[in-house]
Amino acid sequence: MSPIPTQTPVLPAELEALMRQLKMPHARALAPELIKTARAQRWEPAEVIKALFVEETAGRARSMLATRRKAAGFPTGKTFDTWDPTASSIPAPTQQALRTLEWIGRKENVVVCGPSGTGKTFFLEALGQQVVEAGMRVAWFRLEDLGALMRAHRSDDSVTKVVARILRADLIVVDDIGLLPVGT
């Protein structure tokens, strides 16, 4: 007995063109299956539209999050999911206060310093990931890389533009200060 061929639903060309023009890639990808389901389950037209908009909104949120993560330049992708607050020398109340992110809105600076291997970078990266998840922008640099970026743009006098772009971030992290010498 041969299997019954399943027909992949196809979006009408006019509807696909409209969704392309409106830049709705996430809803467009879901639309053929959704229309098939809506027909089979006799959905109200408003429910179909709502489902498409929900998918587009969720897809855009995922894309924006991925874009902000990539733009941040995090070194490893560590988050608070694997962070052990009890293993850190940062006092628990300080960790909790920093994780509220209120200090970012007040445009306060934070300096985390301590011996090598105490989890400073891990904590800061997890904090940065949380900032990105909250919809804000992060710029992550090792001091050596920041120095190289400035030197690279000094020759064509575009340092001001680079600094302006960096300063648009809600959180700027400069890691590994004091580990390597940085040229003038």
N, C-alpha and C. Protein backbone atom coordinates (compact mmCIF):
# COMPACT_ATOMS: atom_id res chain seq x y z
N MET A 1 0.85 -1.17 0.00
CA MET A 1 0.00 0.00 0.00
C MET A 1 0.90 1.24 0.00
N SER A 2 0.67 2.15 -0.90
CA SER A 2 1.50 3.35 -0.99
C SER A 2 0.94 4.44 -0.08
N PRO A 3 1.83 5.24 0.49
CA PRO A 3 1.36 6.31 1.38
C PRO A 3 0.58 7.36 0.59
N ILE A 4 -0.36 7.97 1.27
CA ILE A 4 -1.16 9.00 0.65
C ILE A 4 -0.30 10.27 0.58
N PRO A 5 -0.15 10.83 -0.63
CA PRO A 5 0.69 12.02 -0.74
C PRO A 5 0.04 13.19 -0.01
N THR A 6 0.85 13.87 0.78
CA THR A 6 0.34 15.05 1.46
C THR A 6 0.67 16.26 0.61
N GLN A 7 -0.32 17.05 0.38
CA GLN A 7 -0.14 18.22 -0.46
C GLN A 7 0.29 19.40 0.40
N THR A 8 1.42 19.98 0.06
CA THR A 8 1.89 21.15 0.78
C THR A 8 1.05 22.34 0.34
N PRO A 9 0.42 23.02 1.30
CA PRO A 9 -0.41 24.14 0.92
C PRO A 9 0.44 25.26 0.30
N VAL A 10 -0.14 25.92 -0.68
CA VAL A 10 0.56 27.00 -1.36
C VAL A 10 -0.22 28.29 -1.12
N LEU A 11 0.51 29.33 -0.82
CA LEU A 11 -0.09 30.63 -0.61
C LEU A 11 -0.42 31.24 -1.97
N PRO A 12 -1.61 31.78 -2.15
CA PRO A 12 -1.92 32.43 -3.42
C PRO A 12 -0.88 33.51 -3.75
N ALA A 13 -0.49 33.57 -5.01
CA ALA A 13 0.59 34.47 -5.44
C ALA A 13 0.33 35.93 -5.05
N GLU A 14 -0.90 36.38 -5.20
CA GLU A 14 -1.22 37.78 -4.88
C GLU A 14 -1.03 38.05 -3.39
N LEU A 15 -1.45 37.10 -2.55
CA LEU A 15 -1.29 37.25 -1.10
C LEU A 15 0.18 37.20 -0.72
N GLU A 16 0.93 36.29 -1.33
CA GLU A 16 2.36 36.21 -1.04
C GLU A 16 3.06 37.51 -1.44
N ALA A 17 2.70 38.08 -2.58
CA ALA A 17 3.31 39.34 -3.03
C ALA A 17 3.00 40.48 -2.06
N LEU A 18 1.75 40.52 -1.58
CA LEU A 18 1.38 41.56 -0.61
C LEU A 18 2.17 41.40 0.69
N MET A 19 2.31 40.16 1.15
CA MET A 19 3.05 39.93 2.39
C MET A 19 4.53 40.25 2.21
N ARG A 20 5.07 40.02 1.03
CA ARG A 20 6.45 40.41 0.75
C ARG A 20 6.59 41.93 0.79
N GLN A 21 5.63 42.61 0.15
CA GLN A 21 5.67 44.06 0.10
C GLN A 21 5.55 44.66 1.50
N LEU A 22 4.76 44.05 2.35
CA LEU A 22 4.59 44.52 3.72
C LEU A 22 5.71 44.04 4.64
N LYS A 23 6.65 43.28 4.08
CA LYS A 23 7.78 42.74 4.83
C LYS A 23 7.30 41.93 6.04
N MET A 24 6.58 40.87 5.74
CA MET A 24 6.03 39.98 6.77
C MET A 24 6.56 38.55 6.56
N PRO A 25 7.87 38.34 6.67
CA PRO A 25 8.42 37.01 6.36
C PRO A 25 7.96 35.91 7.31
N HIS A 26 7.77 36.24 8.57
CA HIS A 26 7.41 35.22 9.55
C HIS A 26 5.97 34.75 9.34
N ALA A 27 5.07 35.70 9.14
CA ALA A 27 3.68 35.35 8.87
C ALA A 27 3.55 34.65 7.52
N ARG A 28 4.33 35.10 6.54
CA ARG A 28 4.28 34.50 5.20
C ARG A 28 4.69 33.03 5.26
N ALA A 29 5.68 32.72 6.08
CA ALA A 29 6.13 31.33 6.19
C ALA A 29 5.05 30.44 6.82
N LEU A 30 4.29 31.00 7.75
CA LEU A 30 3.27 30.24 8.46
C LEU A 30 1.93 30.20 7.70
N ALA A 31 1.68 31.18 6.86
CA ALA A 31 0.37 31.37 6.24
C ALA A 31 -0.21 30.15 5.53
N PRO A 32 0.54 29.44 4.67
CA PRO A 32 -0.09 28.31 3.97
C PRO A 32 -0.66 27.25 4.92
N GLU A 33 0.11 26.86 5.92
CA GLU A 33 -0.36 25.86 6.90
C GLU A 33 -1.51 26.42 7.71
N LEU A 34 -1.41 27.68 8.09
CA LEU A 34 -2.44 28.30 8.90
C LEU A 34 -3.77 28.37 8.14
N ILE A 35 -3.71 28.72 6.87
CA ILE A 35 -4.94 28.78 6.06
C ILE A 35 -5.58 27.39 5.97
N LYS A 36 -4.75 26.38 5.79
CA LYS A 36 -5.26 25.00 5.72
C LYS A 36 -5.94 24.61 7.04
N THR A 37 -5.29 24.93 8.16
CA THR A 37 -5.85 24.64 9.48
C THR A 37 -7.14 25.42 9.71
N ALA A 38 -7.12 26.69 9.32
CA ALA A 38 -8.29 27.54 9.52
C ALA A 38 -9.50 27.01 8.74
N ARG A 39 -9.26 26.54 7.52
CA ARG A 39 -10.35 25.96 6.72
C ARG A 39 -10.90 24.71 7.40
N ALA A 40 -9.98 23.84 7.82
CA ALA A 40 -10.40 22.56 8.42
C ALA A 40 -11.15 22.78 9.73
N GLN A 41 -10.76 23.79 10.49
CA GLN A 41 -11.38 24.02 11.80
C GLN A 41 -12.43 25.13 11.79
N ARG A 42 -12.69 25.66 10.61
CA ARG A 42 -13.72 26.70 10.43
C ARG A 42 -13.49 27.90 11.35
N TRP A 43 -12.28 28.44 11.28
CA TRP A 43 -11.94 29.61 12.09
C TRP A 43 -12.66 30.85 11.56
N GLU A 44 -12.87 31.77 12.44
CA GLU A 44 -13.37 33.10 12.05
C GLU A 44 -12.24 33.82 11.33
N PRO A 45 -12.55 34.64 10.33
CA PRO A 45 -11.49 35.37 9.61
C PRO A 45 -10.59 36.19 10.54
N ALA A 46 -11.17 36.79 11.55
CA ALA A 46 -10.36 37.60 12.48
C ALA A 46 -9.32 36.74 13.20
N GLU A 47 -9.65 35.48 13.49
CA GLU A 47 -8.70 34.59 14.15
C GLU A 47 -7.50 34.29 13.25
N VAL A 48 -7.74 34.15 11.96
CA VAL A 48 -6.65 33.90 11.02
C VAL A 48 -5.73 35.11 10.99
N ILE A 49 -6.31 36.29 10.88
CA ILE A 49 -5.51 37.52 10.85
C ILE A 49 -4.73 37.67 12.14
N LYS A 50 -5.40 37.42 13.26
CA LYS A 50 -4.72 37.53 14.56
C LYS A 50 -3.55 36.56 14.64
N ALA A 51 -3.74 35.33 14.22
CA ALA A 51 -2.67 34.32 14.28
C ALA A 51 -1.48 34.74 13.41
N LEU A 52 -1.76 35.30 12.24
CA LEU A 52 -0.67 35.76 11.37
C LEU A 52 0.09 36.93 12.02
N PHE A 53 -0.63 37.87 12.60
CA PHE A 53 0.03 39.00 13.25
C PHE A 53 0.81 38.58 14.48
N VAL A 54 0.27 37.64 15.24
CA VAL A 54 0.99 37.13 16.42
C VAL A 54 2.30 36.48 15.98
N GLU A 55 2.26 35.67 14.92
CA GLU A 55 3.47 35.02 14.43
C GLU A 55 4.47 36.04 13.91
N GLU A 56 4.00 37.05 13.19
CA GLU A 56 4.91 38.07 12.66
C GLU A 56 5.56 38.85 13.80
N THR A 57 4.77 39.21 14.79
CA THR A 57 5.29 39.95 15.94
C THR A 57 6.33 39.12 16.69
N ALA A 58 6.03 37.86 16.94
CA ALA A 58 6.98 36.98 17.65
C ALA A 58 8.24 36.77 16.82
N GLY A 59 8.09 36.57 15.53
CA GLY A 59 9.25 36.39 14.66
C GLY A 59 10.14 37.61 14.62
N ARG A 60 9.53 38.79 14.57
CA ARG A 60 10.31 40.03 14.57
C ARG A 60 11.04 40.20 15.90
N ALA A 61 10.38 39.86 16.99
CA ALA A 61 11.03 39.96 18.30
C ALA A 61 12.24 39.03 18.37
N ARG A 62 12.09 37.80 17.85
CA ARG A 62 13.22 36.86 17.83
C ARG A 62 14.36 37.40 16.98
N SER A 63 14.03 37.95 15.83
CA SER A 63 15.05 38.50 14.93
C SER A 63 15.77 39.68 15.56
N MET A 64 15.01 40.57 16.19
CA MET A 64 15.63 41.73 16.83
C MET A 64 16.54 41.31 17.97
N LEU A 65 16.11 40.31 18.73
CA LEU A 65 16.94 39.81 19.83
C LEU A 65 18.25 39.23 19.29
N ALA A 66 18.14 38.43 18.24
CA ALA A 66 19.34 37.84 17.63
C ALA A 66 20.27 38.93 17.08
N THR A 67 19.70 39.96 16.49
CA THR A 67 20.49 41.06 15.95
C THR A 67 21.20 41.81 17.07
N ARG A 68 20.49 42.10 18.16
CA ARG A 68 21.12 42.80 19.29
C ARG A 68 22.21 41.95 19.93
N ARG A 69 21.99 40.64 20.04
CA ARG A 69 23.02 39.75 20.60
C ARG A 69 24.27 39.78 19.73
N LYS A 70 24.08 39.67 18.41
CA LYS A 70 25.21 39.65 17.50
C LYS A 70 25.96 40.99 17.54
N ALA A 71 25.21 42.08 17.53
CA ALA A 71 25.83 43.41 17.55
C ALA A 71 26.60 43.66 18.85
N ALA A 72 26.16 43.04 19.93
CA ALA A 72 26.83 43.24 21.23
C ALA A 72 28.26 42.71 21.20
N GLY A 73 28.49 41.64 20.49
CA GLY A 73 29.84 41.08 20.41
C GLY A 73 30.26 40.31 21.66
N PHE A 74 29.31 39.63 22.30
CA PHE A 74 29.63 38.86 23.50
C PHE A 74 30.68 37.80 23.18
N PRO A 75 31.58 37.54 24.14
CA PRO A 75 32.64 36.57 23.86
C PRO A 75 32.19 35.11 23.81
N THR A 76 31.26 34.71 24.67
CA THR A 76 30.93 33.27 24.74
C THR A 76 29.45 32.95 24.73
N GLY A 77 28.58 33.86 25.09
CA GLY A 77 27.15 33.56 25.15
C GLY A 77 26.67 33.10 26.51
N LYS A 78 27.44 33.35 27.57
CA LYS A 78 27.04 32.92 28.91
C LYS A 78 25.87 33.77 29.42
N THR A 79 24.97 33.09 30.14
CA THR A 79 23.80 33.76 30.70
C THR A 79 23.67 33.39 32.18
N PHE A 80 22.69 33.99 32.83
CA PHE A 80 22.46 33.68 34.24
C PHE A 80 21.87 32.28 34.43
N ASP A 81 21.49 31.60 33.35
CA ASP A 81 20.98 30.23 33.46
C ASP A 81 22.02 29.30 34.09
N THR A 82 23.29 29.57 33.82
CA THR A 82 24.35 28.70 34.36
C THR A 82 25.19 29.39 35.42
N TRP A 83 24.79 30.57 35.83
CA TRP A 83 25.53 31.34 36.84
C TRP A 83 25.20 30.81 38.23
N ASP A 84 26.21 30.63 39.05
CA ASP A 84 26.03 30.21 40.44
C ASP A 84 26.33 31.40 41.33
N PRO A 85 25.32 32.10 41.83
CA PRO A 85 25.56 33.30 42.62
C PRO A 85 26.32 33.04 43.91
N THR A 86 26.25 31.81 44.42
CA THR A 86 26.94 31.51 45.67
C THR A 86 28.44 31.32 45.47
N ALA A 87 28.86 31.05 44.23
CA ALA A 87 30.28 30.84 43.96
C ALA A 87 31.01 32.14 43.68
N SER A 88 30.29 33.24 43.63
CA SER A 88 30.89 34.53 43.30
C SER A 88 31.28 35.30 44.56
N SER A 89 32.34 36.09 44.42
CA SER A 89 32.73 36.95 45.54
C SER A 89 31.94 38.25 45.55
N ILE A 90 31.11 38.47 44.52
CA ILE A 90 30.23 39.64 44.49
C ILE A 90 29.10 39.36 45.49
N PRO A 91 28.89 40.22 46.46
CA PRO A 91 27.83 39.97 47.45
C PRO A 91 26.46 39.77 46.78
N ALA A 92 25.70 38.83 47.31
CA ALA A 92 24.39 38.49 46.74
C ALA A 92 23.48 39.71 46.59
N PRO A 93 23.39 40.60 47.59
CA PRO A 93 22.53 41.78 47.40
C PRO A 93 23.01 42.67 46.24
N THR A 94 24.31 42.76 46.02
CA THR A 94 24.84 43.55 44.90
C THR A 94 24.48 42.89 43.59
N GLN A 95 24.62 41.57 43.53
CA GLN A 95 24.22 40.85 42.31
C GLN A 95 22.76 41.11 42.00
N GLN A 96 21.91 41.00 43.01
CA GLN A 96 20.47 41.19 42.80
C GLN A 96 20.17 42.62 42.35
N ALA A 97 20.83 43.59 42.96
CA ALA A 97 20.61 45.00 42.59
C ALA A 97 21.03 45.25 41.15
N LEU A 98 22.16 44.69 40.74
CA LEU A 98 22.62 44.88 39.37
C LEU A 98 21.69 44.21 38.37
N ARG A 99 21.14 43.07 38.73
CA ARG A 99 20.25 42.33 37.83
C ARG A 99 18.91 43.02 37.62
N THR A 100 18.54 43.99 38.45
CA THR A 100 17.30 44.74 38.23
C THR A 100 17.43 45.66 37.03
N LEU A 101 18.64 46.00 36.66
CA LEU A 101 18.98 46.88 35.53
C LEU A 101 18.52 48.33 35.74
N GLU A 102 18.08 48.66 36.94
CA GLU A 102 17.64 50.03 37.21
C GLU A 102 18.77 51.03 37.03
N TRP A 103 19.98 50.63 37.36
CA TRP A 103 21.14 51.52 37.27
C TRP A 103 21.43 51.93 35.84
N ILE A 104 21.01 51.12 34.87
CA ILE A 104 21.21 51.47 33.46
C ILE A 104 20.33 52.66 33.10
N GLY A 105 19.09 52.63 33.54
CA GLY A 105 18.18 53.75 33.29
C GLY A 105 18.67 55.04 33.93
N ARG A 106 19.37 54.92 35.03
CA ARG A 106 19.93 56.11 35.71
C ARG A 106 21.28 56.51 35.12
N LYS A 107 21.75 55.76 34.13
CA LYS A 107 23.03 56.00 33.45
C LYS A 107 24.21 56.01 34.43
N GLU A 108 24.17 55.03 35.34
CA GLU A 108 25.25 54.89 36.32
C GLU A 108 26.32 53.95 35.76
N ASN A 109 27.54 54.14 36.23
CA ASN A 109 28.66 53.28 35.84
C ASN A 109 28.86 52.20 36.89
N VAL A 110 29.33 51.06 36.44
CA VAL A 110 29.66 49.96 37.34
C VAL A 110 31.06 49.49 36.99
N VAL A 111 31.87 49.30 38.01
CA VAL A 111 33.20 48.74 37.81
C VAL A 111 33.26 47.45 38.62
N VAL A 112 33.59 46.36 37.93
CA VAL A 112 33.73 45.07 38.60
C VAL A 112 35.20 44.71 38.51
N CYS A 113 35.85 44.62 39.64
CA CYS A 113 37.28 44.30 39.63
C CYS A 113 37.57 43.21 40.65
N GLY A 114 38.64 42.50 40.40
CA GLY A 114 39.04 41.43 41.28
C GLY A 114 40.08 40.57 40.61
N PRO A 115 40.58 39.58 41.33
CA PRO A 115 41.61 38.71 40.78
C PRO A 115 41.10 37.91 39.57
N SER A 116 42.02 37.46 38.78
CA SER A 116 41.70 36.64 37.62
C SER A 116 41.00 35.35 38.05
N GLY A 117 40.01 34.93 37.26
CA GLY A 117 39.34 33.66 37.52
C GLY A 117 38.23 33.72 38.55
N THR A 118 37.75 34.90 38.89
CA THR A 118 36.70 35.00 39.91
C THR A 118 35.30 35.16 39.32
N GLY A 119 35.19 35.12 38.00
CA GLY A 119 33.86 35.16 37.37
C GLY A 119 33.38 36.55 36.98
N LYS A 120 34.28 37.51 36.92
CA LYS A 120 33.87 38.87 36.55
C LYS A 120 33.30 38.91 35.14
N THR A 121 34.03 38.33 34.19
CA THR A 121 33.58 38.33 32.80
C THR A 121 32.28 37.56 32.65
N PHE A 122 32.17 36.43 33.30
CA PHE A 122 30.95 35.61 33.24
C PHE A 122 29.77 36.45 33.72
N PHE A 123 29.92 37.08 34.89
CA PHE A 123 28.83 37.87 35.46
C PHE A 123 28.45 39.02 34.53
N LEU A 124 29.45 39.72 34.02
CA LEU A 124 29.17 40.85 33.14
C LEU A 124 28.53 40.42 31.83
N GLU A 125 28.96 39.30 31.29
CA GLU A 125 28.34 38.82 30.05
C GLU A 125 26.89 38.40 30.31
N ALA A 126 26.65 37.70 31.40
CA ALA A 126 25.27 37.31 31.74
C ALA A 126 24.41 38.56 31.96
N LEU A 127 24.98 39.57 32.58
CA LEU A 127 24.27 40.83 32.78
C LEU A 127 23.98 41.49 31.43
N GLY A 128 24.97 41.47 30.55
CA GLY A 128 24.78 42.02 29.21
C GLY A 128 23.70 41.29 28.44
N GLN A 129 23.68 39.96 28.55
CA GLN A 129 22.64 39.17 27.88
C GLN A 129 21.26 39.56 28.41
N GLN A 130 21.17 39.80 29.70
CA GLN A 130 19.90 40.20 30.31
C GLN A 130 19.48 41.58 29.79
N VAL A 131 20.44 42.47 29.62
CA VAL A 131 20.16 43.80 29.07
C VAL A 131 19.61 43.67 27.65
N VAL A 132 20.22 42.80 26.84
CA VAL A 132 19.75 42.58 25.47
C VAL A 132 18.33 42.01 25.49
N GLU A 133 18.06 41.07 26.37
CA GLU A 133 16.72 40.48 26.47
C GLU A 133 15.69 41.51 26.90
N ALA A 134 16.15 42.56 27.61
CA ALA A 134 15.24 43.63 28.04
C ALA A 134 15.00 44.65 26.93
N GLY A 135 15.57 44.38 25.74
CA GLY A 135 15.33 45.25 24.60
C GLY A 135 16.32 46.39 24.43
N MET A 136 17.41 46.33 25.17
CA MET A 136 18.41 47.39 25.07
C MET A 136 19.63 46.93 24.29
N ARG A 137 20.49 47.88 23.95
CA ARG A 137 21.69 47.58 23.17
C ARG A 137 22.91 47.52 24.08
N VAL A 138 23.82 46.61 23.73
CA VAL A 138 25.06 46.42 24.47
C VAL A 138 26.22 46.47 23.49
N ALA A 139 27.32 47.08 23.93
CA ALA A 139 28.57 47.05 23.17
C ALA A 139 29.62 46.41 24.08
N TRP A 140 30.21 45.32 23.63
CA TRP A 140 31.18 44.57 24.43
C TRP A 140 32.56 44.69 23.78
N PHE A 141 33.54 45.07 24.57
CA PHE A 141 34.90 45.18 24.06
C PHE A 141 35.88 44.64 25.09
N ARG A 142 36.93 44.02 24.60
CA ARG A 142 38.12 43.84 25.43
C ARG A 142 38.89 45.13 25.25
N LEU A 143 39.61 45.56 26.25
CA LEU A 143 40.34 46.82 26.16
C LEU A 143 41.27 46.83 24.94
N GLU A 144 41.93 45.72 24.69
CA GLU A 144 42.84 45.61 23.56
C GLU A 144 42.10 45.84 22.23
N ASP A 145 40.89 45.26 22.10
CA ASP A 145 40.11 45.41 20.87
C ASP A 145 39.59 46.84 20.71
N LEU A 146 39.23 47.47 21.81
CA LEU A 146 38.77 48.86 21.75
C LEU A 146 39.91 49.77 21.29
N GLY A 147 41.10 49.53 21.82
CA GLY A 147 42.27 50.30 21.39
C GLY A 147 42.56 50.10 19.91
N ALA A 148 42.47 48.87 19.44
CA ALA A 148 42.70 48.57 18.02
C ALA A 148 41.65 49.25 17.14
N LEU A 149 40.40 49.27 17.59
CA LEU A 149 39.33 49.93 16.85
C LEU A 149 39.60 51.43 16.71
N MET A 150 40.04 52.04 17.81
CA MET A 150 40.35 53.47 17.77
C MET A 150 41.53 53.75 16.83
N ARG A 151 42.56 52.91 16.91
CA ARG A 151 43.73 53.10 16.03
C ARG A 151 43.34 52.93 14.56
N ALA A 152 42.47 51.98 14.27
CA ALA A 152 42.07 51.71 12.89
C ALA A 152 41.30 52.88 12.30
N HIS A 153 40.56 53.61 13.11
CA HIS A 153 39.75 54.71 12.59
C HIS A 153 40.44 56.06 12.72
N ARG A 154 41.58 56.09 13.37
CA ARG A 154 42.31 57.35 13.51
C ARG A 154 42.84 57.81 12.16
N SER A 155 43.28 56.86 11.32
CA SER A 155 43.91 57.22 10.06
C SER A 155 42.97 57.95 9.10
N ASP A 156 41.70 57.60 9.09
CA ASP A 156 40.76 58.27 8.18
C ASP A 156 39.85 59.26 8.91
N ASP A 157 40.20 59.58 10.14
CA ASP A 157 39.49 60.58 10.94
C ASP A 157 38.01 60.23 11.16
N SER A 158 37.70 58.93 11.29
CA SER A 158 36.32 58.52 11.54
C SER A 158 36.12 58.06 12.98
N VAL A 159 37.07 58.40 13.86
CA VAL A 159 36.97 58.00 15.26
C VAL A 159 35.70 58.56 15.89
N THR A 160 35.36 59.81 15.57
CA THR A 160 34.18 60.43 16.16
C THR A 160 32.92 59.63 15.83
N LYS A 161 32.82 59.15 14.59
CA LYS A 161 31.65 58.36 14.19
C LYS A 161 31.61 57.03 14.93
N VAL A 162 32.77 56.41 15.10
CA VAL A 162 32.83 55.12 15.80
C VAL A 162 32.45 55.31 17.26
N VAL A 163 32.98 56.33 17.89
CA VAL A 163 32.66 56.60 19.30
C VAL A 163 31.17 56.91 19.43
N ALA A 164 30.60 57.68 18.52
CA ALA A 164 29.16 58.00 18.57
C ALA A 164 28.33 56.73 18.46
N ARG A 165 28.75 55.81 17.59
CA ARG A 165 28.02 54.55 17.43
C ARG A 165 28.10 53.72 18.72
N ILE A 166 29.28 53.68 19.32
CA ILE A 166 29.44 52.93 20.58
C ILE A 166 28.56 53.54 21.67
N LEU A 167 28.53 54.86 21.75
CA LEU A 167 27.78 55.53 22.81
C LEU A 167 26.27 55.41 22.67
N ARG A 168 25.78 54.93 21.53
CA ARG A 168 24.34 54.68 21.38
C ARG A 168 23.90 53.45 22.17
N ALA A 169 24.85 52.64 22.61
CA ALA A 169 24.50 51.45 23.40
C ALA A 169 24.04 51.87 24.78
N ASP A 170 23.13 51.09 25.33
CA ASP A 170 22.64 51.35 26.68
C ASP A 170 23.64 50.88 27.73
N LEU A 171 24.43 49.87 27.37
CA LEU A 171 25.46 49.33 28.25
C LEU A 171 26.73 49.11 27.43
N ILE A 172 27.83 49.67 27.90
CA ILE A 172 29.12 49.47 27.26
C ILE A 172 30.00 48.73 28.26
N VAL A 173 30.50 47.57 27.86
CA VAL A 173 31.36 46.78 28.73
C VAL A 173 32.77 46.81 28.14
N VAL A 174 33.74 47.19 28.97
CA VAL A 174 35.14 47.12 28.57
C VAL A 174 35.76 46.09 29.51
N ASP A 175 36.10 44.95 28.94
CA ASP A 175 36.59 43.81 29.73
C ASP A 175 38.11 43.71 29.62
N ASP A 176 38.70 43.01 30.53
CA ASP A 176 40.14 42.71 30.55
C ASP A 176 41.00 43.96 30.67
N ILE A 177 40.52 44.93 31.43
CA ILE A 177 41.35 46.11 31.69
C ILE A 177 42.49 45.68 32.61
N GLY A 178 43.69 46.00 32.25
CA GLY A 178 44.84 45.69 33.09
C GLY A 178 45.52 44.37 32.78
N LEU A 179 44.95 43.54 31.91
CA LEU A 179 45.59 42.28 31.58
C LEU A 179 46.66 42.43 30.52
N LEU A 180 46.41 43.29 29.54
CA LEU A 180 47.35 43.46 28.45
C LEU A 180 47.66 44.93 28.28
N PRO A 181 48.87 45.24 27.89
CA PRO A 181 49.18 46.65 27.65
C PRO A 181 48.48 47.11 26.37
N VAL A 182 48.00 48.36 26.40
CA VAL A 182 47.34 48.94 25.24
C VAL A 182 48.17 50.13 24.79
N GLY A 183 48.43 50.19 23.50
CA GLY A 183 49.21 51.30 22.96
C GLY A 183 48.45 52.60 23.07
N THR A 184 49.14 53.69 22.84
CA THR A 184 48.52 55.00 22.92
C THR A 184 47.43 55.14 21.89
